[in-house]
Structures are given as structure tokens and as C-alpha cells.
Amino acid sequence: MTKLVEFFFDVGSPTAYLAWSQLPEMVQKYRARLEYKPILLGGLFKAIDNVSPVTIEAKRKYMLLDIERCAAHWGVNYRFNPHFPINTLTLMRGAVAAKIDGSIEPYLTAVFPALWSQGLDMNDPEIIDSVLTDAGLDAARIFRQVREDDVKQGLIDFTTEAVERGAFGAPTMFVGDEMFFGQDRLDYVERALSDQASP
């Protein structure tokens, strides 16, 4: 039976970007499969009456420092996006559309670095179009798809699933029934994969 890591994420989260930067290599090491589950973080927060840590000054200061530590530790090219916060509704519907089409990996390979390495204003449709087109994706098609009911409902469904399974932020990973929150818990994700791989 193939091992599975379920990755609930919103591209507007820099910690999700860091987790994404490490997960593909990790799952390959254990011959596991990575299932991308796009969520709308704002919708998740609203559903469980949570708030972003950046709204609390002490948490914000620590989180930004810790993200830089993690990025340096892993050698990940990162800089805080000067246009933060980003309204990711279109981008996350785009992720659902890309998942349906089987192009989620190239989509995220374009969008995550645009936000958290290049610092682009991904609130701007023209910049989104350029980023997707430069990645070889059909930006016009994706922009059409984000208006389709099945894509809109897909994002709602993934977000609802995250809530029902106990998630309270992003990134959240599941290995079997075990939930792991945050880029700083990837060691535990790997341990869970290793345990599954043991005879």
C-alpha cells in the first residue's frame, strides 16, 4: 500500500511555502505519495474562530524570525512578500483547477516562489497571468476555471475537510490519522513515513 501525505495549504502562507519546499523530496525518499489539498486559510480561520498569528504583534515578530531561520536551515530562497497580506481566493481556486487538470505541481512551482522568493504582487491579475504563462501554463484557461462552480465548490470542500479533521492553520499535514501542523513539524512527518516503511 502506497504511503500518503495529505498537504493542506494556502499559498498565502510563508510557512506553507517552506513545507512545500521540502515535502516532495521527503515523500520520494519513502516512496510515498503527496496529495495536495488547497484550502482558503481565511475560511478556515472563520470556521473555527481563529485569527492569523500576524495579527498578534509578539507572535508576528517571532514567526517572521522563525521563518527566516527555517529557510536558512534548508537553504530555501525566501523573502517576506512586501504586498502581504495577499487575497488568495483566485490563487487557491486556481490551485483546485490545476489539481483537477493534473497540473498542480507546475502550478505551485510557479506560484509559491512568485510570492515568497520573488516578492511579486499576486493580487494583480496581470502579474498572475505572466507568472503562469512563463511557467508554460494556460493562464487564460485557469482564469476561466476559477469562475466555475465545481472549482469554487472544490475549494470549499477541501477547507471544510480541513476543519472537520481538526486543522486550525496551514500548513497541516496528515500521515494516516496523525495530524502535523507547521513547517517545523516536518521531522515528525518523516518519522511517521519511516514508521510506515518499517516491516
C-alpha atoms as a PDB file:
ATOM      1  CA  MET A   1       0.000   0.000   0.000  1.00  0.00           C
ATOM      2  CA  THR A   2       1.420   3.382  -1.027  1.00  0.00           C
ATOM      3  CA  LYS A   3       2.143   5.731   1.865  1.00  0.00           C
ATOM      4  CA  LEU A   4       0.369   9.071   1.655  1.00  0.00           C
ATOM      5  CA  VAL A   5       1.000  12.580   2.945  1.00  0.00           C
ATOM      6  CA  GLU A   6      -2.012  14.882   2.696  1.00  0.00           C
ATOM      7  CA  PHE A   7      -0.900  18.504   2.492  1.00  0.00           C
ATOM      8  CA  PHE A   8      -3.485  21.170   3.354  1.00  0.00           C
ATOM      9  CA  PHE A   9      -2.125  24.557   2.326  1.00  0.00           C
ATOM     10  CA  ASP A  10      -2.789  28.125   1.253  1.00  0.00           C
ATOM     11  CA  VAL A  11      -0.143  29.764  -0.949  1.00  0.00           C
ATOM     12  CA  GLY A  12      -0.538  32.953   1.086  1.00  0.00           C
ATOM     13  CA  SER A  13       1.223  31.259   3.991  1.00  0.00           C
ATOM     14  CA  PRO A  14       5.031  31.535   4.013  1.00  0.00           C
ATOM     15  CA  THR A  15       5.201  28.532   6.341  1.00  0.00           C
ATOM     16  CA  ALA A  16       3.238  26.508   3.773  1.00  0.00           C
ATOM     17  CA  TYR A  17       5.822  27.609   1.193  1.00  0.00           C
ATOM     18  CA  LEU A  18       8.626  26.262   3.367  1.00  0.00           C
ATOM     19  CA  ALA A  19       6.811  22.959   3.935  1.00  0.00           C
ATOM     20  CA  TRP A  20       6.141  22.667   0.202  1.00  0.00           C
ATOM     21  CA  SER A  21       9.834  23.206  -0.496  1.00  0.00           C
ATOM     22  CA  GLN A  22      10.708  20.056   1.489  1.00  0.00           C
ATOM     23  CA  LEU A  23       7.796  17.650   1.102  1.00  0.00           C
ATOM     24  CA  PRO A  24       8.287  16.390  -2.485  1.00  0.00           C
ATOM     25  CA  GLU A  25      11.825  15.158  -1.783  1.00  0.00           C
ATOM     26  CA  MET A  26      10.702  13.634   1.507  1.00  0.00           C
ATOM     27  CA  VAL A  27       7.853  11.632   0.015  1.00  0.00           C
ATOM     28  CA  GLN A  28      10.104  10.467  -2.813  1.00  0.00           C
ATOM     29  CA  LYS A  29      12.611   9.170  -0.256  1.00  0.00           C
ATOM     30  CA  TYR A  30       9.932   6.952   1.297  1.00  0.00           C
ATOM     31  CA  ARG A  31       8.211   6.083  -1.988  1.00  0.00           C
ATOM     32  CA  ALA A  32       5.144   7.863  -0.695  1.00  0.00           C
ATOM     33  CA  ARG A  33       2.582   9.997  -2.480  1.00  0.00           C
ATOM     34  CA  LEU A  34       1.928  13.674  -1.789  1.00  0.00           C
ATOM     35  CA  GLU A  35      -1.694  14.724  -2.114  1.00  0.00           C
ATOM     36  CA  TYR A  36      -2.210  18.459  -2.414  1.00  0.00           C
ATOM     37  CA  LYS A  37      -5.339  19.806  -0.718  1.00  0.00           C
ATOM     38  CA  PRO A  38      -5.840  23.536  -1.384  1.00  0.00           C
ATOM     39  CA  ILE A  39      -7.720  25.429   1.318  1.00  0.00           C
ATOM     40  CA  LEU A  40      -8.691  29.026   1.926  1.00  0.00           C
ATOM     41  CA  LEU A  41      -6.968  29.944   5.163  1.00  0.00           C
ATOM     42  CA  GLY A  42      -9.307  32.834   5.846  1.00  0.00           C
ATOM     43  CA  GLY A  43     -12.263  30.474   5.513  1.00  0.00           C
ATOM     44  CA  LEU A  44     -10.644  28.011   7.896  1.00  0.00           C
ATOM     45  CA  PHE A  45      -9.965  30.735  10.465  1.00  0.00           C
ATOM     46  CA  LYS A  46     -13.557  31.967  10.199  1.00  0.00           C
ATOM     47  CA  ALA A  47     -14.985  28.476  10.618  1.00  0.00           C
ATOM     48  CA  ILE A  48     -13.124  27.816  13.865  1.00  0.00           C
ATOM     49  CA  ASP A  49     -12.990  31.395  15.177  1.00  0.00           C
ATOM     50  CA  ASN A  50      -9.203  31.595  14.837  1.00  0.00           C
ATOM     51  CA  VAL A  51      -7.038  34.522  13.735  1.00  0.00           C
ATOM     52  CA  SER A  52      -3.769  34.780  11.864  1.00  0.00           C
ATOM     53  CA  PRO A  53      -0.716  34.912  14.143  1.00  0.00           C
ATOM     54  CA  VAL A  54       0.448  38.039  12.303  1.00  0.00           C
ATOM     55  CA  THR A  55      -2.399  39.944  13.956  1.00  0.00           C
ATOM     56  CA  ILE A  56      -0.721  39.468  17.354  1.00  0.00           C
ATOM     57  CA  GLU A  57       2.467  41.517  17.478  1.00  0.00           C
ATOM     58  CA  ALA A  58       4.570  39.198  19.661  1.00  0.00           C
ATOM     59  CA  LYS A  59       3.614  36.155  17.572  1.00  0.00           C
ATOM     60  CA  ARG A  60       4.232  38.099  14.359  1.00  0.00           C
ATOM     61  CA  LYS A  61       7.763  39.070  15.378  1.00  0.00           C
ATOM     62  CA  TYR A  62       8.656  35.536  16.417  1.00  0.00           C
ATOM     63  CA  MET A  63       7.038  33.877  13.402  1.00  0.00           C
ATOM     64  CA  LEU A  64       8.847  36.089  10.893  1.00  0.00           C
ATOM     65  CA  LEU A  65      12.170  35.382  12.593  1.00  0.00           C
ATOM     66  CA  ASP A  66      11.483  31.648  12.758  1.00  0.00           C
ATOM     67  CA  ILE A  67      10.551  31.508   9.068  1.00  0.00           C
ATOM     68  CA  GLU A  68      13.903  33.089   8.213  1.00  0.00           C
ATOM     69  CA  ARG A  69      15.676  30.550  10.436  1.00  0.00           C
ATOM     70  CA  CYS A  70      13.928  27.630   8.733  1.00  0.00           C
ATOM     71  CA  ALA A  71      14.600  28.997   5.255  1.00  0.00           C
ATOM     72  CA  ALA A  72      18.295  29.436   6.053  1.00  0.00           C
ATOM     73  CA  HIS A  73      18.492  25.963   7.601  1.00  0.00           C
ATOM     74  CA  TRP A  74      17.048  24.341   4.479  1.00  0.00           C
ATOM     75  CA  GLY A  75      18.771  26.650   2.010  1.00  0.00           C
ATOM     76  CA  VAL A  76      15.445  27.895   0.653  1.00  0.00           C
ATOM     77  CA  ASN A  77      15.351  31.191  -1.223  1.00  0.00           C
ATOM     78  CA  TYR A  78      12.870  33.269   0.790  1.00  0.00           C
ATOM     79  CA  ARG A  79      11.915  36.844   1.421  1.00  0.00           C
ATOM     80  CA  PHE A  80       8.793  38.170   3.045  1.00  0.00           C
ATOM     81  CA  ASN A  81       6.361  39.409   0.420  1.00  0.00           C
ATOM     82  CA  PRO A  82       6.097  43.223   0.630  1.00  0.00           C
ATOM     83  CA  HIS A  83       2.490  43.010  -0.628  1.00  0.00           C
ATOM     84  CA  PHE A  84       1.375  40.796   2.262  1.00  0.00           C
ATOM     85  CA  PRO A  85      -1.400  40.066   3.082  1.00  0.00           C
ATOM     86  CA  ILE A  86      -2.404  38.565  -0.239  1.00  0.00           C
ATOM     87  CA  ASN A  87      -6.036  37.841  -1.088  1.00  0.00           C
ATOM     88  CA  THR A  88      -5.520  34.258  -2.234  1.00  0.00           C
ATOM     89  CA  LEU A  89      -9.082  33.372  -3.279  1.00  0.00           C
ATOM     90  CA  THR A  90      -8.257  33.407  -7.001  1.00  0.00           C
ATOM     91  CA  LEU A  91      -4.903  31.701  -6.479  1.00  0.00           C
ATOM     92  CA  MET A  92      -6.402  28.930  -4.370  1.00  0.00           C
ATOM     93  CA  ARG A  93      -9.263  28.366  -6.792  1.00  0.00           C
ATOM     94  CA  GLY A  94      -6.526  28.204  -9.403  1.00  0.00           C
ATOM     95  CA  ALA A  95      -4.812  25.521  -7.337  1.00  0.00           C
ATOM     96  CA  VAL A  96      -8.038  23.499  -7.287  1.00  0.00           C
ATOM     97  CA  ALA A  97      -8.354  23.886 -11.062  1.00  0.00           C
ATOM     98  CA  ALA A  98      -4.733  22.798 -11.500  1.00  0.00           C
ATOM     99  CA  LYS A  99      -5.320  19.797  -9.234  1.00  0.00           C
ATOM    100  CA  ILE A 100      -8.318  18.766 -11.331  1.00  0.00           C
ATOM    101  CA  ASP A 101      -6.251  19.147 -14.519  1.00  0.00           C
ATOM    102  CA  GLY A 102      -3.250  17.281 -13.111  1.00  0.00           C
ATOM    103  CA  SER A 103      -1.000  20.344 -13.247  1.00  0.00           C
ATOM    104  CA  ILE A 104      -0.851  21.182  -9.537  1.00  0.00           C
ATOM    105  CA  GLU A 105       2.909  20.649  -9.276  1.00  0.00           C
ATOM    106  CA  PRO A 106       3.905  23.099 -12.046  1.00  0.00           C
ATOM    107  CA  TYR A 107       1.250  25.500 -10.777  1.00  0.00           C
ATOM    108  CA  LEU A 108       2.737  25.571  -7.282  1.00  0.00           C
ATOM    109  CA  THR A 109       6.279  25.639  -8.668  1.00  0.00           C
ATOM    110  CA  ALA A 110       5.275  28.910 -10.330  1.00  0.00           C
ATOM    111  CA  VAL A 111       3.066  30.478  -7.661  1.00  0.00           C
ATOM    112  CA  PHE A 112       4.868  29.725  -4.393  1.00  0.00           C
ATOM    113  CA  PRO A 113       8.236  31.248  -5.430  1.00  0.00           C
ATOM    114  CA  ALA A 114       6.482  34.200  -7.080  1.00  0.00           C
ATOM    115  CA  LEU A 115       5.034  35.005  -3.669  1.00  0.00           C
ATOM    116  CA  TRP A 116       7.825  34.028  -1.288  1.00  0.00           C
ATOM    117  CA  SER A 117      11.029  34.281  -3.284  1.00  0.00           C
ATOM    118  CA  GLN A 118      10.379  36.940  -5.916  1.00  0.00           C
ATOM    119  CA  GLY A 119       8.013  39.011  -3.769  1.00  0.00           C
ATOM    120  CA  LEU A 120       5.574  39.684  -6.603  1.00  0.00           C
ATOM    121  CA  ASP A 121       2.181  41.319  -6.146  1.00  0.00           C
ATOM    122  CA  MET A 122      -0.013  38.284  -6.737  1.00  0.00           C
ATOM    123  CA  ASN A 123      -3.118  40.375  -6.098  1.00  0.00           C
ATOM    124  CA  ASP A 124      -2.594  41.720  -9.631  1.00  0.00           C
ATOM    125  CA  PRO A 125      -4.276  39.593 -12.349  1.00  0.00           C
ATOM    126  CA  GLU A 126      -1.726  40.726 -14.953  1.00  0.00           C
ATOM    127  CA  ILE A 127       1.156  39.523 -12.791  1.00  0.00           C
ATOM    128  CA  ILE A 128      -0.610  36.222 -12.115  1.00  0.00           C
ATOM    129  CA  ASP A 129      -1.125  35.819 -15.863  1.00  0.00           C
ATOM    130  CA  SER A 130       2.558  36.472 -16.509  1.00  0.00           C
ATOM    131  CA  VAL A 131       3.722  34.064 -13.790  1.00  0.00           C
ATOM    132  CA  LEU A 132       1.507  31.230 -15.049  1.00  0.00           C
ATOM    133  CA  THR A 133       2.304  31.846 -18.709  1.00  0.00           C
ATOM    134  CA  ASP A 134       6.050  31.920 -18.044  1.00  0.00           C
ATOM    135  CA  ALA A 135       5.639  28.531 -16.357  1.00  0.00           C
ATOM    136  CA  GLY A 136       4.074  27.088 -19.500  1.00  0.00           C
ATOM    137  CA  LEU A 137       0.565  27.009 -18.038  1.00  0.00           C
ATOM    138  CA  ASP A 138      -2.592  28.131 -19.829  1.00  0.00           C
ATOM    139  CA  ALA A 139      -3.352  31.207 -17.761  1.00  0.00           C
ATOM    140  CA  ALA A 140      -6.494  32.097 -19.712  1.00  0.00           C
ATOM    141  CA  ARG A 141      -7.925  28.647 -19.109  1.00  0.00           C
ATOM    142  CA  ILE A 142      -7.138  28.787 -15.395  1.00  0.00           C
ATOM    143  CA  PHE A 143      -8.782  32.217 -15.104  1.00  0.00           C
ATOM    144  CA  ARG A 144     -11.904  30.751 -16.745  1.00  0.00           C
ATOM    145  CA  GLN A 145     -11.872  27.721 -14.478  1.00  0.00           C
ATOM    146  CA  VAL A 146     -11.696  29.732 -11.240  1.00  0.00           C
ATOM    147  CA  ARG A 147     -15.180  31.025 -12.058  1.00  0.00           C
ATOM    148  CA  GLU A 148     -16.639  27.539 -12.500  1.00  0.00           C
ATOM    149  CA  ASP A 149     -18.912  26.119  -9.820  1.00  0.00           C
ATOM    150  CA  ASP A 150     -17.053  22.806  -9.439  1.00  0.00           C
ATOM    151  CA  VAL A 151     -13.774  24.629  -8.768  1.00  0.00           C
ATOM    152  CA  LYS A 152     -15.393  27.024  -6.282  1.00  0.00           C
ATOM    153  CA  GLN A 153     -17.049  24.098  -4.524  1.00  0.00           C
ATOM    154  CA  GLY A 154     -13.793  22.131  -4.545  1.00  0.00           C
ATOM    155  CA  LEU A 155     -12.063  24.839  -2.530  1.00  0.00           C
ATOM    156  CA  ILE A 156     -14.967  24.949  -0.085  1.00  0.00           C
ATOM    157  CA  ASP A 157     -14.900  21.158   0.244  1.00  0.00           C
ATOM    158  CA  PHE A 158     -11.152  20.968   0.952  1.00  0.00           C
ATOM    159  CA  THR A 159     -11.452  23.758   3.516  1.00  0.00           C
ATOM    160  CA  THR A 160     -14.406  22.037   5.172  1.00  0.00           C
ATOM    161  CA  GLU A 161     -12.477  18.768   5.250  1.00  0.00           C
ATOM    162  CA  ALA A 162      -9.578  20.504   6.979  1.00  0.00           C
ATOM    163  CA  VAL A 163     -11.936  21.926   9.609  1.00  0.00           C
ATOM    164  CA  GLU A 164     -13.637  18.569  10.174  1.00  0.00           C
ATOM    165  CA  ARG A 165     -10.298  16.826  10.629  1.00  0.00           C
ATOM    166  CA  GLY A 166      -9.135  19.283  13.268  1.00  0.00           C
ATOM    167  CA  ALA A 167      -6.891  21.653  11.302  1.00  0.00           C
ATOM    168  CA  PHE A 168      -6.520  25.188  12.629  1.00  0.00           C
ATOM    169  CA  GLY A 169      -3.946  26.649  10.240  1.00  0.00           C
ATOM    170  CA  ALA A 170      -1.574  25.961   7.384  1.00  0.00           C
ATOM    171  CA  PRO A 171       0.430  24.027   6.575  1.00  0.00           C
ATOM    172  CA  THR A 172      -1.298  20.979   8.011  1.00  0.00           C
ATOM    173  CA  MET A 173      -0.149  17.500   7.035  1.00  0.00           C
ATOM    174  CA  PHE A 174      -1.709  14.124   7.678  1.00  0.00           C
ATOM    175  CA  VAL A 175       0.021  10.768   7.559  1.00  0.00           C
ATOM    176  CA  GLY A 176      -2.780   8.311   8.107  1.00  0.00           C
ATOM    177  CA  ASP A 177      -4.777   9.650  11.049  1.00  0.00           C
ATOM    178  CA  GLU A 178      -1.862  11.618  12.515  1.00  0.00           C
ATOM    179  CA  MET A 179      -2.011  15.372  12.069  1.00  0.00           C
ATOM    180  CA  PHE A 180       1.070  17.599  11.974  1.00  0.00           C
ATOM    181  CA  PHE A 181       0.913  21.395  11.942  1.00  0.00           C
ATOM    182  CA  GLY A 182       3.627  23.724  10.739  1.00  0.00           C
ATOM    183  CA  GLN A 183       6.819  23.585   8.726  1.00  0.00           C
ATOM    184  CA  ASP A 184       8.666  22.926  11.976  1.00  0.00           C
ATOM    185  CA  ARG A 185       6.985  19.523  12.302  1.00  0.00           C
ATOM    186  CA  LEU A 186       8.341  18.006   9.101  1.00  0.00           C
ATOM    187  CA  ASP A 187      10.734  15.846  11.135  1.00  0.00           C
ATOM    188  CA  TYR A 188       7.674  14.207  12.662  1.00  0.00           C
ATOM    189  CA  VAL A 189       6.080  13.757   9.246  1.00  0.00           C
ATOM    190  CA  GLU A 190       9.244  11.996   8.117  1.00  0.00           C
ATOM    191  CA  ARG A 191       9.259   9.843  11.262  1.00  0.00           C
ATOM    192  CA  ALA A 192       5.676   8.796  10.553  1.00  0.00           C
ATOM    193  CA  LEU A 193       6.618   7.848   6.988  1.00  0.00           C
ATOM    194  CA  SER A 194       9.637   5.957   8.271  1.00  0.00           C
ATOM    195  CA  ASP A 195       7.468   4.049  10.751  1.00  0.00           C
ATOM    196  CA  GLN A 196       5.090   3.103   7.961  1.00  0.00           C
ATOM    197  CA  ALA A 197       8.033   1.913   5.873  1.00  0.00           C
ATOM    198  CA  SER A 198       9.320  -0.359   8.645  1.00  0.00           C
ATOM    199  CA  PRO A 199       8.460  -4.076   8.334  1.00  0.00           C
END
